[in-house]
C-alpha cells in the first residue's frame, strides 16, 4: 500500500478534549482547532518522509516501518517508538497515545486514543 500524496484535513472530531488531555496549552488549542492542515507523505518501500503543515507550524516525521525512530509529540517533545504497517494501516504508540492511520483510496483517517479519549481526523488527497 503506497501512502504517497498530499492530503488536506477535511474534518476532525474531539480535537479540543484530546489536546487538553495530552497537555497542550489552551492558547495552542484555540489556534489549532480551525486549521486545515496539509500532510505530504513520501513513501519509498518502508521508508516514510511525512511533512505536516498546520498554519505556520511544520513538523517532519522520518521513519522506517518496523525500525526504532524518534518522533515529535504534539507538545513538542520527542520520543522513541516503532511504526508498524499492516496492509493499509500504520500504527504507532507514542507517549501513551495510540495512533492508527488508515488509507482507503483517496481518504486517510487517523484515530488517536489517549486515556480513553478518542480524536479522529479525516483528510482527503489533493494531489
N, C-alpha and C. Protein backbone atom coordinates (compact mmCIF):
# COMPACT_ATOMS: atom_id res chain seq x y z
N UNK A 1 0.86 -1.19 0.00
CA UNK A 1 0.00 0.00 0.00
C UNK A 1 0.90 1.24 0.00
N UNK A 2 0.71 2.11 -0.98
CA UNK A 2 1.51 3.32 -1.09
C UNK A 2 0.71 4.51 -0.56
N UNK A 3 1.21 5.12 0.50
CA UNK A 3 0.55 6.26 1.14
C UNK A 3 0.93 7.59 0.48
N UNK A 4 1.87 7.58 -0.46
CA UNK A 4 2.40 8.83 -1.03
C UNK A 4 1.30 9.74 -1.56
N UNK A 5 1.44 11.05 -1.28
CA UNK A 5 0.50 12.05 -1.77
C UNK A 5 0.36 13.19 -0.79
N UNK A 6 -0.41 14.21 -1.21
CA UNK A 6 -0.72 15.35 -0.33
C UNK A 6 -2.17 15.24 0.07
N UNK A 7 -2.41 15.43 1.37
CA UNK A 7 -3.76 15.29 1.92
C UNK A 7 -4.11 16.52 2.75
N UNK A 8 -5.34 17.01 2.59
CA UNK A 8 -5.80 18.16 3.38
C UNK A 8 -6.88 17.71 4.36
N UNK A 9 -6.75 18.19 5.60
CA UNK A 9 -7.73 17.87 6.63
C UNK A 9 -9.11 18.35 6.20
N UNK A 10 -10.08 17.44 6.24
CA UNK A 10 -11.46 17.78 5.90
C UNK A 10 -12.31 17.96 7.14
N UNK A 11 -12.09 17.09 8.14
CA UNK A 11 -12.87 17.18 9.37
C UNK A 11 -12.11 16.51 10.50
N UNK A 12 -12.47 16.89 11.72
CA UNK A 12 -11.92 16.23 12.89
C UNK A 12 -12.92 16.30 14.02
N UNK A 13 -12.86 15.25 14.88
CA UNK A 13 -13.80 15.13 15.99
C UNK A 13 -13.04 15.04 17.30
N UNK A 14 -13.47 15.80 18.29
CA UNK A 14 -12.96 15.72 19.66
C UNK A 14 -11.56 16.34 19.81
N UNK A 15 -11.22 17.28 18.94
CA UNK A 15 -9.90 17.91 18.95
C UNK A 15 -9.58 18.56 20.30
N UNK A 16 -10.48 19.42 20.77
CA UNK A 16 -10.19 20.20 21.98
C UNK A 16 -10.01 19.31 23.21
N UNK A 17 -10.91 18.36 23.41
CA UNK A 17 -10.81 17.47 24.59
C UNK A 17 -9.52 16.64 24.55
N UNK A 18 -9.17 16.15 23.37
CA UNK A 18 -7.97 15.33 23.23
C UNK A 18 -6.71 16.16 23.52
N UNK A 19 -6.62 17.32 22.89
CA UNK A 19 -5.43 18.16 23.06
C UNK A 19 -5.28 18.62 24.52
N UNK A 20 -6.39 18.91 25.17
CA UNK A 20 -6.34 19.29 26.58
C UNK A 20 -5.84 18.11 27.42
N UNK A 21 -6.30 16.90 27.11
CA UNK A 21 -5.91 15.71 27.86
C UNK A 21 -4.41 15.42 27.75
N UNK A 22 -3.83 15.69 26.57
CA UNK A 22 -2.39 15.41 26.41
C UNK A 22 -1.51 16.55 26.90
N UNK A 23 -2.14 17.66 27.34
CA UNK A 23 -1.38 18.73 27.96
C UNK A 23 -1.04 19.92 27.08
N UNK A 24 -1.71 20.06 25.93
CA UNK A 24 -1.47 21.22 25.08
C UNK A 24 -2.11 22.45 25.74
N UNK A 25 -1.39 23.58 25.78
CA UNK A 25 -1.96 24.79 26.39
C UNK A 25 -3.21 25.28 25.65
N UNK A 26 -4.12 25.93 26.41
CA UNK A 26 -5.38 26.40 25.84
C UNK A 26 -5.18 27.32 24.64
N UNK A 27 -4.18 28.21 24.67
CA UNK A 27 -3.97 29.12 23.54
C UNK A 27 -3.56 28.36 22.28
N UNK A 28 -2.78 27.29 22.42
CA UNK A 28 -2.39 26.47 21.27
C UNK A 28 -3.60 25.71 20.73
N UNK A 29 -4.44 25.22 21.62
CA UNK A 29 -5.66 24.51 21.21
C UNK A 29 -6.55 25.46 20.42
N UNK A 30 -6.73 26.68 20.92
CA UNK A 30 -7.58 27.66 20.25
C UNK A 30 -7.05 27.99 18.86
N UNK A 31 -5.72 28.16 18.74
CA UNK A 31 -5.10 28.46 17.44
C UNK A 31 -5.24 27.31 16.46
N UNK A 32 -5.19 26.07 16.96
CA UNK A 32 -5.15 24.93 16.07
C UNK A 32 -6.48 24.33 15.67
N UNK A 33 -7.55 24.69 16.36
CA UNK A 33 -8.81 23.97 16.15
C UNK A 33 -9.44 24.18 14.78
N UNK A 34 -9.17 25.29 14.10
CA UNK A 34 -9.78 25.55 12.79
C UNK A 34 -8.81 25.46 11.63
N UNK A 35 -7.58 25.04 11.89
CA UNK A 35 -6.58 24.95 10.82
C UNK A 35 -6.82 23.70 9.99
N UNK A 36 -6.83 23.87 8.69
CA UNK A 36 -6.97 22.75 7.75
C UNK A 36 -5.56 22.33 7.32
N UNK A 37 -4.94 21.52 8.15
CA UNK A 37 -3.55 21.13 7.90
C UNK A 37 -3.41 20.35 6.60
N UNK A 38 -2.20 20.41 6.03
CA UNK A 38 -1.85 19.65 4.84
C UNK A 38 -0.72 18.70 5.22
N UNK A 39 -0.89 17.44 4.85
CA UNK A 39 0.11 16.42 5.13
C UNK A 39 0.65 15.91 3.81
N UNK A 40 1.97 15.99 3.65
CA UNK A 40 2.64 15.50 2.44
C UNK A 40 3.39 14.23 2.83
N UNK A 41 3.01 13.11 2.23
CA UNK A 41 3.62 11.82 2.53
C UNK A 41 4.42 11.34 1.33
N UNK A 42 5.69 11.05 1.55
CA UNK A 42 6.55 10.44 0.53
C UNK A 42 6.96 9.08 1.07
N UNK A 43 6.57 8.03 0.36
CA UNK A 43 6.89 6.68 0.80
C UNK A 43 7.68 5.98 -0.29
N UNK A 44 8.83 5.42 0.11
CA UNK A 44 9.61 4.57 -0.78
C UNK A 44 9.84 3.27 -0.03
N UNK A 45 9.11 2.24 -0.43
CA UNK A 45 9.18 0.97 0.30
C UNK A 45 8.68 1.16 1.72
N UNK A 46 9.53 0.85 2.71
CA UNK A 46 9.17 1.01 4.12
C UNK A 46 9.64 2.34 4.70
N UNK A 47 10.27 3.19 3.88
CA UNK A 47 10.78 4.48 4.34
C UNK A 47 9.75 5.58 4.10
N UNK A 48 9.46 6.35 5.15
CA UNK A 48 8.47 7.41 5.07
C UNK A 48 9.10 8.76 5.41
N UNK A 49 8.69 9.79 4.67
CA UNK A 49 9.01 11.18 4.97
C UNK A 49 7.65 11.88 4.99
N UNK A 50 7.19 12.26 6.19
CA UNK A 50 5.86 12.86 6.35
C UNK A 50 6.05 14.29 6.85
N UNK A 51 5.53 15.25 6.08
CA UNK A 51 5.60 16.66 6.46
C UNK A 51 4.19 17.17 6.71
N UNK A 52 3.96 17.67 7.92
CA UNK A 52 2.65 18.20 8.28
C UNK A 52 2.77 19.71 8.41
N UNK A 53 1.96 20.44 7.62
CA UNK A 53 1.94 21.90 7.65
C UNK A 53 0.61 22.34 8.24
N UNK A 54 0.67 22.92 9.44
CA UNK A 54 -0.53 23.39 10.13
C UNK A 54 -0.32 24.86 10.45
N UNK A 55 -0.87 25.72 9.60
CA UNK A 55 -0.63 27.16 9.78
C UNK A 55 0.85 27.44 9.56
N UNK A 56 1.49 28.08 10.55
CA UNK A 56 2.92 28.40 10.43
C UNK A 56 3.80 27.27 10.97
N UNK A 57 3.18 26.26 11.57
CA UNK A 57 3.94 25.16 12.16
C UNK A 57 4.16 24.05 11.13
N UNK A 58 5.42 23.59 11.03
CA UNK A 58 5.76 22.50 10.13
C UNK A 58 6.47 21.43 10.96
N UNK A 59 5.97 20.20 10.88
CA UNK A 59 6.59 19.07 11.58
C UNK A 59 6.95 18.02 10.54
N UNK A 60 8.17 17.50 10.64
CA UNK A 60 8.63 16.46 9.73
C UNK A 60 8.87 15.17 10.52
N UNK A 61 8.28 14.10 10.03
CA UNK A 61 8.47 12.77 10.62
C UNK A 61 9.20 11.90 9.61
N UNK A 62 10.35 11.37 10.00
CA UNK A 62 11.10 10.45 9.16
C UNK A 62 11.16 9.12 9.89
N UNK A 63 10.71 8.06 9.22
CA UNK A 63 10.76 6.76 9.87
C UNK A 63 10.78 5.64 8.83
N UNK A 64 11.25 4.50 9.28
CA UNK A 64 11.21 3.26 8.51
C UNK A 64 10.34 2.29 9.28
N UNK A 65 9.34 1.75 8.61
CA UNK A 65 8.42 0.81 9.24
C UNK A 65 9.21 -0.33 9.88
N UNK A 66 8.89 -0.63 11.14
CA UNK A 66 9.50 -1.74 11.84
C UNK A 66 10.83 -1.44 12.52
N UNK A 67 11.34 -0.21 12.35
CA UNK A 67 12.61 0.18 12.97
C UNK A 67 12.39 1.31 13.97
N UNK A 68 13.19 1.31 15.04
CA UNK A 68 13.07 2.36 16.05
C UNK A 68 13.39 3.72 15.43
N UNK A 69 12.61 4.72 15.82
CA UNK A 69 12.82 6.09 15.34
C UNK A 69 12.46 7.05 16.47
N UNK A 70 12.77 8.31 16.27
CA UNK A 70 12.40 9.34 17.23
C UNK A 70 11.42 10.29 16.55
N UNK A 71 10.23 10.42 17.14
CA UNK A 71 9.18 11.27 16.57
C UNK A 71 8.82 12.39 17.53
N UNK A 72 8.37 13.52 16.97
CA UNK A 72 7.94 14.65 17.78
C UNK A 72 6.51 14.44 18.23
N UNK A 73 6.24 14.83 19.48
CA UNK A 73 4.89 14.73 20.04
C UNK A 73 4.14 16.04 19.79
N UNK A 74 2.84 16.04 20.04
CA UNK A 74 2.03 17.26 19.89
C UNK A 74 2.52 18.39 20.78
N UNK A 75 3.08 18.04 21.92
CA UNK A 75 3.52 19.07 22.86
C UNK A 75 4.96 19.51 22.60
N UNK A 76 5.56 19.01 21.51
CA UNK A 76 6.90 19.46 21.13
C UNK A 76 8.04 18.59 21.62
N UNK A 77 7.75 17.62 22.49
CA UNK A 77 8.80 16.72 22.95
C UNK A 77 9.12 15.68 21.89
N UNK A 78 10.11 14.87 22.17
CA UNK A 78 10.48 13.78 21.25
C UNK A 78 10.48 12.48 22.02
N UNK A 79 10.14 11.41 21.33
CA UNK A 79 10.11 10.10 21.97
C UNK A 79 10.47 9.03 20.95
N UNK A 80 11.13 7.98 21.43
CA UNK A 80 11.48 6.85 20.57
C UNK A 80 10.30 5.89 20.49
N UNK A 81 10.10 5.34 19.30
CA UNK A 81 8.99 4.42 19.06
C UNK A 81 9.26 3.60 17.82
N UNK A 82 8.36 2.71 17.49
CA UNK A 82 8.42 1.93 16.25
C UNK A 82 7.07 2.03 15.57
N UNK A 83 7.09 2.37 14.28
CA UNK A 83 5.86 2.43 13.48
C UNK A 83 5.68 1.07 12.80
N UNK A 84 4.47 0.54 12.89
CA UNK A 84 4.15 -0.75 12.29
C UNK A 84 3.18 -0.53 11.13
N UNK A 85 3.29 -1.37 10.09
CA UNK A 85 2.36 -1.29 8.97
C UNK A 85 1.79 -2.67 8.70
N UNK A 86 0.47 -2.71 8.57
CA UNK A 86 -0.21 -3.95 8.21
C UNK A 86 -1.24 -3.58 7.15
N UNK A 87 -0.99 -3.98 5.92
CA UNK A 87 -1.89 -3.64 4.82
C UNK A 87 -1.96 -2.14 4.62
N UNK A 88 -3.16 -1.59 4.80
CA UNK A 88 -3.37 -0.15 4.59
C UNK A 88 -3.37 0.65 5.90
N UNK A 89 -2.78 0.06 6.98
CA UNK A 89 -2.78 0.73 8.29
C UNK A 89 -1.37 0.92 8.82
N UNK A 90 -1.13 2.11 9.36
CA UNK A 90 0.09 2.42 10.12
C UNK A 90 -0.32 2.58 11.57
N UNK A 91 0.40 1.94 12.48
CA UNK A 91 0.09 2.02 13.90
C UNK A 91 1.34 2.41 14.66
N UNK A 92 1.18 3.31 15.64
CA UNK A 92 2.31 3.72 16.47
C UNK A 92 1.80 4.07 17.86
N UNK A 93 2.62 3.77 18.87
CA UNK A 93 2.34 4.16 20.25
C UNK A 93 3.41 5.18 20.63
N UNK A 94 2.99 6.35 21.09
CA UNK A 94 3.93 7.42 21.40
C UNK A 94 3.46 8.17 22.64
N UNK A 95 4.20 8.06 23.72
CA UNK A 95 3.89 8.77 24.97
C UNK A 95 2.45 8.56 25.42
N UNK A 96 2.00 7.31 25.41
CA UNK A 96 0.65 6.99 25.87
C UNK A 96 -0.44 7.17 24.84
N UNK A 97 -0.09 7.63 23.65
CA UNK A 97 -1.07 7.83 22.58
C UNK A 97 -0.96 6.68 21.58
N UNK A 98 -2.09 6.05 21.30
CA UNK A 98 -2.13 5.07 20.23
C UNK A 98 -2.66 5.77 18.99
N UNK A 99 -1.91 5.69 17.89
CA UNK A 99 -2.32 6.32 16.65
C UNK A 99 -2.44 5.28 15.56
N UNK A 100 -3.61 5.23 14.91
CA UNK A 100 -3.84 4.32 13.80
C UNK A 100 -4.23 5.17 12.59
N UNK A 101 -3.43 5.06 11.52
CA UNK A 101 -3.68 5.80 10.29
C UNK A 101 -4.04 4.79 9.20
N UNK A 102 -5.17 5.02 8.56
CA UNK A 102 -5.67 4.07 7.57
C UNK A 102 -5.93 4.79 6.25
N UNK A 103 -5.44 4.19 5.15
CA UNK A 103 -5.64 4.74 3.82
C UNK A 103 -6.70 3.92 3.08
N UNK A 104 -7.75 4.60 2.62
CA UNK A 104 -8.79 3.99 1.80
C UNK A 104 -8.98 4.86 0.58
N UNK A 105 -8.43 4.42 -0.56
CA UNK A 105 -8.46 5.17 -1.82
C UNK A 105 -7.85 6.55 -1.62
N UNK A 106 -8.64 7.62 -1.65
CA UNK A 106 -8.10 8.98 -1.52
C UNK A 106 -8.35 9.59 -0.14
N UNK A 107 -8.74 8.78 0.82
CA UNK A 107 -9.05 9.27 2.16
C UNK A 107 -8.11 8.63 3.18
N UNK A 108 -7.52 9.48 4.03
CA UNK A 108 -6.73 8.98 5.15
C UNK A 108 -7.49 9.32 6.42
N UNK A 109 -7.75 8.29 7.22
CA UNK A 109 -8.35 8.53 8.53
C UNK A 109 -7.29 8.22 9.58
N UNK A 110 -7.21 9.09 10.57
CA UNK A 110 -6.25 8.93 11.65
C UNK A 110 -7.03 9.00 12.96
N UNK A 111 -6.94 7.93 13.74
CA UNK A 111 -7.62 7.86 15.02
C UNK A 111 -6.58 7.76 16.12
N UNK A 112 -6.61 8.71 17.05
CA UNK A 112 -5.67 8.72 18.16
C UNK A 112 -6.45 8.55 19.47
N UNK A 113 -5.90 7.73 20.35
CA UNK A 113 -6.55 7.47 21.62
C UNK A 113 -5.55 7.71 22.74
N UNK A 114 -5.98 8.49 23.75
CA UNK A 114 -5.16 8.77 24.93
C UNK A 114 -6.07 8.75 26.14
N UNK A 115 -5.78 7.88 27.08
CA UNK A 115 -6.52 7.84 28.35
C UNK A 115 -8.04 7.76 28.12
N UNK A 116 -8.45 6.97 27.13
CA UNK A 116 -9.87 6.79 26.84
C UNK A 116 -10.50 7.86 25.97
N UNK A 117 -9.75 8.91 25.63
CA UNK A 117 -10.28 10.00 24.79
C UNK A 117 -9.84 9.74 23.34
N UNK A 118 -10.81 9.75 22.43
CA UNK A 118 -10.54 9.43 21.02
C UNK A 118 -10.66 10.70 20.17
N UNK A 119 -9.62 10.93 19.36
CA UNK A 119 -9.58 12.06 18.43
C UNK A 119 -9.48 11.49 17.03
N UNK A 120 -10.40 11.86 16.14
CA UNK A 120 -10.41 11.33 14.79
C UNK A 120 -10.25 12.44 13.78
N UNK A 121 -9.36 12.19 12.81
CA UNK A 121 -9.11 13.15 11.71
C UNK A 121 -9.36 12.46 10.39
N UNK A 122 -10.00 13.18 9.46
CA UNK A 122 -10.24 12.68 8.11
C UNK A 122 -9.60 13.67 7.13
N UNK A 123 -8.70 13.16 6.28
CA UNK A 123 -8.05 14.01 5.28
C UNK A 123 -8.26 13.41 3.90
N UNK A 124 -8.35 14.29 2.90
CA UNK A 124 -8.59 13.87 1.52
C UNK A 124 -7.40 14.23 0.65
N UNK A 125 -7.05 13.30 -0.28
CA UNK A 125 -5.93 13.53 -1.20
C UNK A 125 -6.23 14.76 -2.07
N UNK A 126 -5.24 15.66 -2.15
CA UNK A 126 -5.39 16.83 -3.02
C UNK A 126 -4.38 16.76 -4.16
N UNK A 127 -3.41 15.87 -4.11
CA UNK A 127 -2.50 15.62 -5.24
C UNK A 127 -1.73 14.35 -5.01
